[in-house]
């Protein structure tokens, strides 16, 4: 593991563990101050809205400023916020409004930090090891998502919810120190342009790559289809397979699948990376199909493992491709559109699934969700550049004119930096 990446990995792994503490902690924090289930939904929605609204700001800032300083600033900001909320909770003084404000800050900091992090990974590791670096980050994140809720549940049950907020603050302190100690190569000089000019450049860079925005649209269709599983899964399992314990088993199985997918991407470089990876998304149709009709719980468990292995694999391969095919100076801006599409479309799906299933039936909605999943995979594989992209056993990319003829572009030492056409 290269030293700069090791420091980034330590910081973000610790931060991911802190993030994984919060879903359980936040719910019980709201309830501990007299809030209701509706208040929990309001707090979560406020955090999501803040993240969506500020994503483009975060992507543009990350291409204008030092990404390392943005990450340190984001971690330091959340250190103060979480420590403050923890102290207030232990003192018995907070209310739902305070928790909502803290959740908005959390979402805002994530919107600023995430694009900066994506742009930093290629700066901390050599190009041939980039997929392995992303896979290792994914494995660490999946492990945190398994351990975090468990630790949070134990701490909330045995101590007080305020202590979990303080623990989260400590994780941000560790992350800020680790990222602050990073030594990165100097960035390319950036011209002095206005913020809105940079924002417009990010849009043009995204729109000029038809393979990229078409893939994002396909990912949005997949998100809509998969919402059917997330909404109807707990309801159907509660009715057929034993309620919360069955859903907990499925959730654990999904986390195990995500770890398996990360381990696979750590070791395997497919010759046609984007084609093979997107085929993995089709496995999520199995999860939806397993809910149709009474099925043994083991069938749902196996489908959950396979589906999340596919999702984890495509996430790592897709992220690696983006980091290598999009120029470093616009990477954060362009990649922010990926999260913008996901964060915007998913809530719409969550809201629509319940009423739609009441109108046309659960089975029909599950079939519709599976159809969306399959349609998204077929559509993205119809994109010529997705199919033609190849990589050799050393991780070098080929199959596009600007990748195979770097000398013509005058950038023989960095062929992927020329990938600007659609």
Protein backbone atom coordinates (compact mmCIF):
# COMPACT_ATOMS: atom_id res chain seq x y z
CA UNK A 1 0.00 0.00 0.00
CA UNK A 2 1.55 3.31 -1.07
CA UNK A 3 2.05 5.72 1.84
CA UNK A 4 -0.17 8.60 0.61
CA UNK A 5 -3.00 6.18 -0.05
CA UNK A 6 -2.42 4.51 3.32
CA UNK A 7 -3.01 7.82 5.10
CA UNK A 8 -6.12 8.53 3.04
CA UNK A 9 -7.38 4.99 3.69
CA UNK A 10 -6.89 5.35 7.45
CA UNK A 11 -8.76 8.64 7.47
CA UNK A 12 -11.70 7.61 5.32
CA UNK A 13 -12.06 4.16 6.90
CA UNK A 14 -12.31 5.75 10.33
CA UNK A 15 -14.77 8.32 9.01
CA UNK A 16 -16.85 5.57 7.35
CA UNK A 17 -17.12 3.79 10.68
CA UNK A 18 -18.39 7.01 12.22
CA UNK A 19 -20.92 7.41 9.40
CA UNK A 20 -22.13 3.84 9.98
CA UNK A 21 -22.86 4.66 13.62
CA UNK A 22 -25.35 7.37 12.74
CA UNK A 23 -28.46 5.66 11.26
CA UNK A 24 -29.16 3.81 14.52
CA UNK A 25 -27.89 6.65 16.70
CA UNK A 26 -29.89 9.37 14.99
CA UNK A 27 -33.16 7.45 15.24
CA UNK A 28 -32.75 6.88 18.97
CA UNK A 29 -31.53 10.43 19.52
CA UNK A 30 -34.77 11.75 18.01
CA UNK A 31 -36.84 9.39 20.12
CA UNK A 32 -34.86 10.27 23.27
CA UNK A 33 -35.88 13.94 22.99
CA UNK A 34 -39.56 13.13 22.50
CA UNK A 35 -39.63 12.92 18.71
CA UNK A 36 -41.77 10.58 16.63
CA UNK A 37 -41.30 8.38 13.56
CA UNK A 38 -42.37 11.35 11.43
CA UNK A 39 -39.64 13.46 13.07
CA UNK A 40 -37.06 10.79 12.19
CA UNK A 41 -38.20 10.96 8.56
CA UNK A 42 -38.01 14.75 8.61
CA UNK A 43 -34.46 14.73 9.99
CA UNK A 44 -33.30 12.19 7.40
CA UNK A 45 -34.99 14.12 4.58
CA UNK A 46 -33.35 17.37 5.70
CA UNK A 47 -29.90 15.77 5.54
CA UNK A 48 -30.59 14.33 2.08
CA UNK A 49 -31.88 17.65 0.71
CA UNK A 50 -28.78 19.47 1.99
CA UNK A 51 -26.58 16.89 0.29
CA UNK A 52 -28.41 17.15 -3.04
CA UNK A 53 -28.50 20.96 -3.06
CA UNK A 54 -24.79 21.34 -2.31
CA UNK A 55 -23.28 18.52 -4.38
CA UNK A 56 -22.50 20.74 -7.36
CA UNK A 57 -20.96 23.32 -5.04
CA UNK A 58 -18.78 20.61 -3.52
CA UNK A 59 -17.67 19.31 -6.91
CA UNK A 60 -16.78 22.78 -8.18
CA UNK A 61 -14.89 23.74 -5.02
CA UNK A 62 -12.92 20.47 -5.15
CA UNK A 63 -11.68 21.37 -8.65
CA UNK A 64 -10.81 24.95 -7.63
CA UNK A 65 -9.16 24.39 -4.25
CA UNK A 66 -6.93 21.93 -2.44
CA UNK A 67 -8.95 18.73 -2.07
CA UNK A 68 -6.92 17.81 0.99
CA UNK A 69 -7.87 21.05 2.74
CA UNK A 70 -11.53 20.58 1.80
CA UNK A 71 -11.56 17.11 3.36
CA UNK A 72 -9.78 18.32 6.49
CA UNK A 73 -12.20 21.24 6.74
CA UNK A 74 -15.21 18.96 6.30
CA UNK A 75 -13.96 16.56 8.98
CA UNK A 76 -13.14 19.40 11.39
CA UNK A 77 -16.56 20.96 10.86
CA UNK A 78 -18.31 17.67 11.63
CA UNK A 79 -16.02 17.09 14.62
CA UNK A 80 -17.35 20.31 16.15
CA UNK A 81 -20.99 19.61 15.21
CA UNK A 82 -21.09 16.04 16.49
CA UNK A 83 -19.20 16.87 19.67
CA UNK A 84 -21.59 19.75 20.35
CA UNK A 85 -24.69 17.58 19.83
CA UNK A 86 -23.20 14.86 22.03
CA UNK A 87 -22.59 17.30 24.87
CA UNK A 88 -26.11 18.72 24.55
CA UNK A 89 -27.63 15.23 24.59
CA UNK A 90 -25.67 14.27 27.71
CA UNK A 91 -26.74 17.54 29.35
CA UNK A 92 -30.39 16.83 28.48
CA UNK A 93 -30.89 20.06 26.53
CA UNK A 94 -31.40 19.23 22.84
CA UNK A 95 -34.62 19.03 20.83
CA UNK A 96 -35.65 17.81 17.39
CA UNK A 97 -34.76 21.18 15.84
CA UNK A 98 -31.16 20.87 17.06
CA UNK A 99 -30.89 17.34 15.69
CA UNK A 100 -32.35 18.48 12.38
CA UNK A 101 -29.83 21.29 12.14
CA UNK A 102 -27.01 18.87 12.88
CA UNK A 103 -28.31 16.49 10.20
CA UNK A 104 -28.35 19.34 7.67
CA UNK A 105 -24.73 20.11 8.56
CA UNK A 106 -23.90 16.42 8.14
CA UNK A 107 -25.43 16.34 4.67
CA UNK A 108 -23.76 19.59 3.68
CA UNK A 109 -20.33 18.37 4.80
CA UNK A 110 -20.82 15.11 2.87
CA UNK A 111 -21.67 17.10 -0.27
CA UNK A 112 -18.43 19.07 0.08
CA UNK A 113 -16.20 16.18 1.08
CA UNK A 114 -17.30 13.36 -1.23
CA UNK A 115 -16.30 14.97 -4.57
CA UNK A 116 -12.98 15.99 -3.04
CA UNK A 117 -12.34 12.42 -1.90
CA UNK A 118 -13.07 10.98 -5.36
CA UNK A 119 -10.60 13.39 -6.90
CA UNK A 120 -7.94 12.63 -4.30
CA UNK A 121 -7.74 8.85 -4.70
CA UNK A 122 -5.94 9.00 -8.10
CA UNK A 123 -3.48 11.47 -6.56
CA UNK A 124 -2.47 9.01 -3.84
CA UNK A 125 -1.92 5.79 -5.80
CA UNK A 126 -0.30 4.81 -9.08
CA UNK A 127 -2.65 4.22 -12.02
CA UNK A 128 -2.24 0.40 -12.24
CA UNK A 129 -3.30 0.08 -8.58
CA UNK A 130 -6.30 2.40 -8.81
CA UNK A 131 -8.94 -0.33 -9.05
CA UNK A 132 -7.40 -2.15 -6.10
CA UNK A 133 -7.37 1.11 -4.13
CA UNK A 134 -11.06 1.71 -4.80
CA UNK A 135 -11.82 -1.92 -3.95
CA UNK A 136 -9.99 -1.63 -0.64
CA UNK A 137 -11.95 1.52 0.17
CA UNK A 138 -15.16 -0.33 -0.68
CA UNK A 139 -14.26 -3.32 1.50
CA UNK A 140 -13.48 -1.02 4.42
CA UNK A 141 -16.76 0.83 3.92
CA UNK A 142 -18.74 -2.42 3.80
CA UNK A 143 -17.04 -3.67 6.96
CA UNK A 144 -17.87 -0.40 8.69
CA UNK A 145 -21.51 -0.76 7.62
CA UNK A 146 -21.61 -4.16 9.31
CA UNK A 147 -19.86 -3.15 12.54
CA UNK A 148 -21.17 0.40 12.91
CA UNK A 149 -24.86 -0.35 13.57
CA UNK A 150 -23.87 -3.19 15.91
CA UNK A 151 -21.56 -0.95 17.97
CA UNK A 152 -24.10 1.89 17.95
CA UNK A 153 -26.88 -0.43 19.16
CA UNK A 154 -24.75 -1.76 22.01
CA UNK A 155 -23.64 1.72 23.10
CA UNK A 156 -27.14 3.17 22.95
CA UNK A 157 -28.47 0.25 24.98
CA UNK A 158 -25.73 0.29 27.62
CA UNK A 159 -24.76 3.97 27.91
CA UNK A 160 -26.40 7.07 26.46
CA UNK A 161 -26.94 8.19 22.89
CA UNK A 162 -24.80 11.31 23.48
CA UNK A 163 -21.70 9.14 23.91
CA UNK A 164 -22.17 7.73 20.41
CA UNK A 165 -22.18 11.25 19.01
CA UNK A 166 -18.92 11.90 20.85
CA UNK A 167 -17.44 8.69 19.44
CA UNK A 168 -18.45 9.87 15.97
CA UNK A 169 -16.69 13.16 16.66
CA UNK A 170 -13.52 11.24 17.54
CA UNK A 171 -13.63 9.42 14.19
CA UNK A 172 -13.70 12.78 12.40
CA UNK A 173 -10.72 13.92 14.48
CA UNK A 174 -8.74 10.85 13.42
CA UNK A 175 -9.73 11.37 9.79
CA UNK A 176 -8.79 15.07 9.83
CA UNK A 177 -5.34 14.29 11.28
CA UNK A 178 -4.65 11.44 8.83
CA UNK A 179 -5.72 13.43 5.76
CA UNK A 180 -3.90 16.51 7.06
CA UNK A 181 -0.63 14.53 7.15
CA UNK A 182 -1.01 13.56 3.48
CA UNK A 183 1.69 14.74 1.13
CA UNK A 184 0.34 15.00 -2.41
CA UNK A 185 2.06 15.90 -5.67
CA UNK A 186 1.43 19.47 -6.78
CA UNK A 187 -1.78 19.93 -8.76
CA UNK A 188 -1.81 21.29 -12.27
CA UNK A 189 -2.09 25.08 -12.35
CA UNK A 190 -5.69 26.22 -12.69
CA UNK A 191 -6.68 29.37 -14.48
CA UNK A 192 -8.33 32.14 -12.52
CA UNK A 193 -11.96 31.86 -13.54
CA UNK A 194 -15.16 32.64 -11.69
CA UNK A 195 -17.04 30.05 -9.69
CA UNK A 196 -19.98 30.11 -12.11
CA UNK A 197 -17.65 29.70 -15.07
CA UNK A 198 -16.18 26.61 -13.44
CA UNK A 199 -19.69 25.34 -12.75
CA UNK A 200 -20.59 25.77 -16.42
CA UNK A 201 -17.38 24.03 -17.48
CA UNK A 202 -18.32 21.06 -15.30
CA UNK A 203 -21.69 20.81 -17.04
CA UNK A 204 -20.08 20.99 -20.49
CA UNK A 205 -17.48 18.37 -19.59
CA UNK A 206 -20.24 16.05 -18.40
CA UNK A 207 -22.58 16.73 -21.34
CA UNK A 208 -19.80 16.25 -23.92
CA UNK A 209 -19.35 12.63 -22.84
CA UNK A 210 -22.44 10.85 -24.08
CA UNK A 211 -21.21 7.50 -22.73
CA UNK A 212 -21.10 9.04 -19.24
CA UNK A 213 -24.46 10.78 -19.05
CA UNK A 214 -26.27 7.92 -20.78
CA UNK A 215 -24.80 5.56 -18.18
CA UNK A 216 -25.97 7.91 -15.41
CA UNK A 217 -29.50 7.85 -16.83
CA UNK A 218 -29.35 4.05 -16.87
CA UNK A 219 -28.13 4.04 -13.26
CA UNK A 220 -31.12 6.24 -12.38
CA UNK A 221 -33.49 3.70 -13.93
CA UNK A 222 -31.78 0.98 -11.91
CA UNK A 223 -32.21 3.03 -8.72
CA UNK A 224 -35.93 3.38 -9.42
CA UNK A 225 -36.31 -0.35 -9.92
CA UNK A 226 -34.32 -1.31 -6.84
CA UNK A 227 -36.44 0.96 -4.63
CA UNK A 228 -39.15 -1.71 -4.89
CA UNK A 229 -36.95 -4.13 -2.96
CA UNK A 230 -36.00 -1.63 -0.25
CA UNK A 231 -39.62 -0.60 0.38
CA UNK A 232 -41.48 -3.90 -0.07
CA UNK A 233 -38.76 -6.22 1.25
CA UNK A 234 -39.39 -5.54 4.97
CA UNK A 235 -43.17 -5.67 4.47
CA UNK A 236 -43.18 -9.01 2.63
CA UNK A 237 -40.60 -10.63 4.91
CA UNK A 238 -42.53 -9.46 7.97
CA UNK A 239 -45.57 -11.28 6.59
CA UNK A 240 -43.86 -14.42 5.29
CA UNK A 241 -40.59 -15.08 7.10
CA UNK A 242 -40.60 -13.87 10.68
CA UNK A 243 -40.45 -10.09 10.61
CA UNK A 244 -37.52 -8.01 11.78
CA UNK A 245 -35.19 -10.96 12.32
CA UNK A 246 -35.62 -12.04 8.69
CA UNK A 247 -34.96 -8.53 7.41
CA UNK A 248 -31.91 -8.32 9.65
CA UNK A 249 -30.62 -11.56 8.12
CA UNK A 250 -31.15 -10.16 4.61
CA UNK A 251 -29.38 -6.91 5.54
CA UNK A 252 -26.42 -8.84 6.91
CA UNK A 253 -26.35 -10.99 3.77
CA UNK A 254 -26.26 -7.86 1.64
CA UNK A 255 -23.27 -6.58 3.60
CA UNK A 256 -21.50 -9.93 3.15
CA UNK A 257 -22.21 -9.75 -0.58
CA UNK A 258 -20.77 -6.25 -0.73
CA UNK A 259 -17.59 -7.51 0.92
CA UNK A 260 -17.39 -10.36 -1.61
CA UNK A 261 -17.81 -7.95 -4.52
CA UNK A 262 -15.09 -5.72 -3.12
CA UNK A 263 -12.75 -8.68 -2.72
CA UNK A 264 -13.45 -9.73 -6.31
CA UNK A 265 -12.65 -6.28 -7.68
CA UNK A 266 -9.49 -6.27 -5.59
CA UNK A 267 -8.18 -9.31 -7.49
CA UNK A 268 -9.85 -9.30 -10.92
CA UNK A 269 -9.40 -6.92 -13.84
CA UNK A 270 -11.94 -7.98 -16.49
CA UNK A 271 -10.88 -7.43 -20.11
CA UNK A 272 -14.07 -5.47 -20.80
CA UNK A 273 -14.43 -3.70 -17.44
CA UNK A 274 -17.58 -1.64 -17.92
CA UNK A 275 -19.41 -4.37 -19.81
CA UNK A 276 -18.72 -7.09 -17.25
CA UNK A 277 -19.34 -4.78 -14.31
CA UNK A 278 -22.74 -3.62 -15.53
CA UNK A 279 -23.80 -7.21 -16.10
CA UNK A 280 -23.37 -7.57 -12.35
CA UNK A 281 -26.20 -5.08 -11.83
CA UNK A 282 -28.61 -7.56 -13.43
CA UNK A 283 -28.16 -9.80 -10.38
CA UNK A 284 -30.34 -7.40 -8.38
CA UNK A 285 -33.32 -8.62 -10.39
CA UNK A 286 -32.88 -11.89 -8.47
CA UNK A 287 -33.56 -10.06 -5.21
CA UNK A 288 -36.81 -8.69 -6.53
CA UNK A 289 -37.84 -12.06 -7.97
CA UNK A 290 -37.15 -13.80 -4.65
CA UNK A 291 -39.88 -11.70 -3.03
CA UNK A 292 -42.54 -12.83 -5.51
CA UNK A 293 -44.58 -15.62 -3.95
CA UNK A 294 -43.63 -17.54 -0.80
CA UNK A 295 -39.91 -18.35 -1.09
CA UNK A 296 -37.62 -20.01 1.46
CA UNK A 297 -35.61 -17.41 3.36
CA UNK A 298 -32.40 -19.06 2.13
CA UNK A 299 -33.38 -18.16 -1.43
CA UNK A 300 -33.65 -14.50 -0.44
CA UNK A 301 -30.35 -14.73 1.44
CA UNK A 302 -28.54 -16.19 -1.59
CA UNK A 303 -30.09 -13.56 -3.88
CA UNK A 304 -29.03 -10.79 -1.49
CA UNK A 305 -25.42 -11.99 -1.42
CA UNK A 306 -25.23 -12.30 -5.22
CA UNK A 307 -26.95 -8.97 -5.86
CA UNK A 308 -24.79 -6.90 -3.52
CA UNK A 309 -21.63 -8.60 -4.79
CA UNK A 310 -22.62 -7.38 -8.26
CA UNK A 311 -23.42 -3.86 -7.05
CA UNK A 312 -20.16 -3.59 -5.11
CA UNK A 313 -18.16 -4.81 -8.10
CA UNK A 314 -19.76 -2.37 -10.55
CA UNK A 315 -19.31 0.52 -8.11
CA UNK A 316 -15.58 -0.10 -7.80
CA UNK A 317 -14.98 -0.68 -11.52
CA UNK A 318 -17.14 2.28 -12.55
CA UNK A 319 -15.42 4.63 -10.10
CA UNK A 320 -12.00 3.50 -11.30
CA UNK A 321 -12.98 4.10 -14.93
CA UNK A 322 -14.27 7.59 -14.13
CA UNK A 323 -11.08 8.48 -12.28
CA UNK A 324 -8.96 7.35 -15.23
CA UNK A 325 -11.05 8.57 -18.18
CA UNK A 326 -11.94 12.05 -16.94
CA UNK A 327 -9.20 14.69 -16.60
CA UNK A 328 -8.07 15.35 -13.05
CA UNK A 329 -8.82 19.07 -13.23
CA UNK A 330 -12.58 18.49 -13.78
CA UNK A 331 -12.97 15.09 -12.09
CA UNK A 332 -14.75 16.28 -8.96
CA UNK A 333 -17.25 18.40 -10.87
CA UNK A 334 -18.10 15.67 -13.37
CA UNK A 335 -18.32 12.91 -10.75
CA UNK A 336 -20.70 14.98 -8.62
CA UNK A 337 -23.37 14.47 -11.29
CA UNK A 338 -23.23 10.74 -10.56
CA UNK A 339 -24.27 11.24 -6.94
CA UNK A 340 -26.71 13.99 -7.87
CA UNK A 341 -28.66 11.59 -10.09
CA UNK A 342 -28.68 8.87 -7.43
CA UNK A 343 -29.68 11.11 -4.53
CA UNK A 344 -32.42 12.83 -6.54
CA UNK A 345 -34.05 9.79 -8.12
CA UNK A 346 -33.97 7.35 -5.20
CA UNK A 347 -36.28 9.37 -2.88
CA UNK A 348 -38.83 9.61 -5.70
CA UNK A 349 -38.82 5.83 -6.01
CA UNK A 350 -39.17 5.35 -2.26
CA UNK A 351 -42.22 7.62 -2.21
CA UNK A 352 -43.87 6.01 -5.26
CA UNK A 353 -43.50 2.30 -4.44
CA UNK A 354 -45.96 2.19 -1.53
CA UNK A 355 -48.94 3.89 -3.23
CA UNK A 356 -48.25 2.06 -6.50
CA UNK A 357 -48.25 -1.35 -4.80
CA UNK A 358 -51.55 -0.48 -3.14
CA UNK A 359 -53.03 0.34 -6.53
CA UNK A 360 -51.68 -2.44 -8.77
CA UNK A 361 -50.34 -5.02 -6.29
CA UNK A 362 -46.98 -5.96 -4.76
CA UNK A 363 -46.17 -8.64 -7.32
CA UNK A 364 -46.75 -6.24 -10.19
CA UNK A 365 -44.52 -3.60 -8.61
CA UNK A 366 -41.76 -6.15 -8.03
CA UNK A 367 -42.00 -7.25 -11.67
CA UNK A 368 -41.90 -3.63 -12.76
CA UNK A 369 -38.82 -3.09 -10.59
CA UNK A 370 -37.09 -6.14 -12.09
CA UNK A 371 -37.97 -4.85 -15.56
CA UNK A 372 -36.35 -1.48 -14.73
CA UNK A 373 -33.21 -3.28 -13.54
CA UNK A 374 -32.95 -5.35 -16.72
CA UNK A 375 -33.79 -2.36 -18.94
CA UNK A 376 -31.05 -0.27 -17.33
CA UNK A 377 -28.44 -2.99 -17.92
CA UNK A 378 -29.46 -3.55 -21.54
CA UNK A 379 -29.54 0.18 -22.26
CA UNK A 380 -26.08 0.88 -20.83
CA UNK A 381 -24.59 -2.06 -22.78
CA UNK A 382 -25.95 -0.56 -26.01
CA UNK A 383 -23.54 2.37 -25.60
CA UNK A 384 -20.64 1.68 -28.01
CA UNK A 385 -17.96 3.16 -25.78
CA UNK A 386 -19.07 1.11 -22.79
CA UNK A 387 -18.69 -2.07 -24.83
CA UNK A 388 -15.45 -1.10 -26.59
CA UNK A 389 -13.44 -0.09 -23.52
CA UNK A 390 -10.81 -2.74 -22.75
CA UNK A 391 -8.02 -3.14 -20.25
CA UNK A 392 -4.96 -5.35 -20.30
CA UNK A 393 -3.61 -7.42 -17.44
CA UNK A 394 -1.58 -4.42 -16.23
CA UNK A 395 -4.70 -2.27 -15.95
CA UNK A 396 -3.98 -0.07 -18.98
CA UNK A 397 -7.10 1.04 -20.86
CA UNK A 398 -7.58 0.58 -24.61
CA UNK A 399 -10.33 0.56 -27.19
CA UNK A 400 -10.88 4.28 -27.68
CA UNK A 401 -8.89 6.26 -30.28
CA UNK A 402 -7.57 8.74 -27.73
CA UNK A 403 -6.41 5.88 -25.51
CA UNK A 404 -4.74 3.85 -28.25
CA UNK A 405 -3.04 6.80 -29.96
CA UNK A 406 -1.66 8.98 -27.15
CA UNK A 407 1.16 10.32 -29.28
CA UNK A 408 -1.30 11.97 -31.62
CA UNK A 409 -2.71 13.86 -28.66
CA UNK A 410 0.78 14.87 -27.55
CA UNK A 411 0.38 13.28 -24.12
CA UNK A 412 2.23 10.02 -24.41
CA UNK A 413 2.96 9.88 -20.68
CA UNK A 414 -0.68 10.20 -19.66
CA UNK A 415 -3.00 8.79 -22.31
CA UNK A 416 -6.16 8.67 -20.26
CA UNK A 417 -6.06 12.40 -19.61
CA UNK A 418 -7.09 12.99 -23.21
CA UNK A 419 -10.43 11.20 -22.93
CA UNK A 420 -12.65 14.20 -23.56
CA UNK A 421 -14.78 13.19 -26.50
CA UNK A 422 -18.06 11.36 -26.29
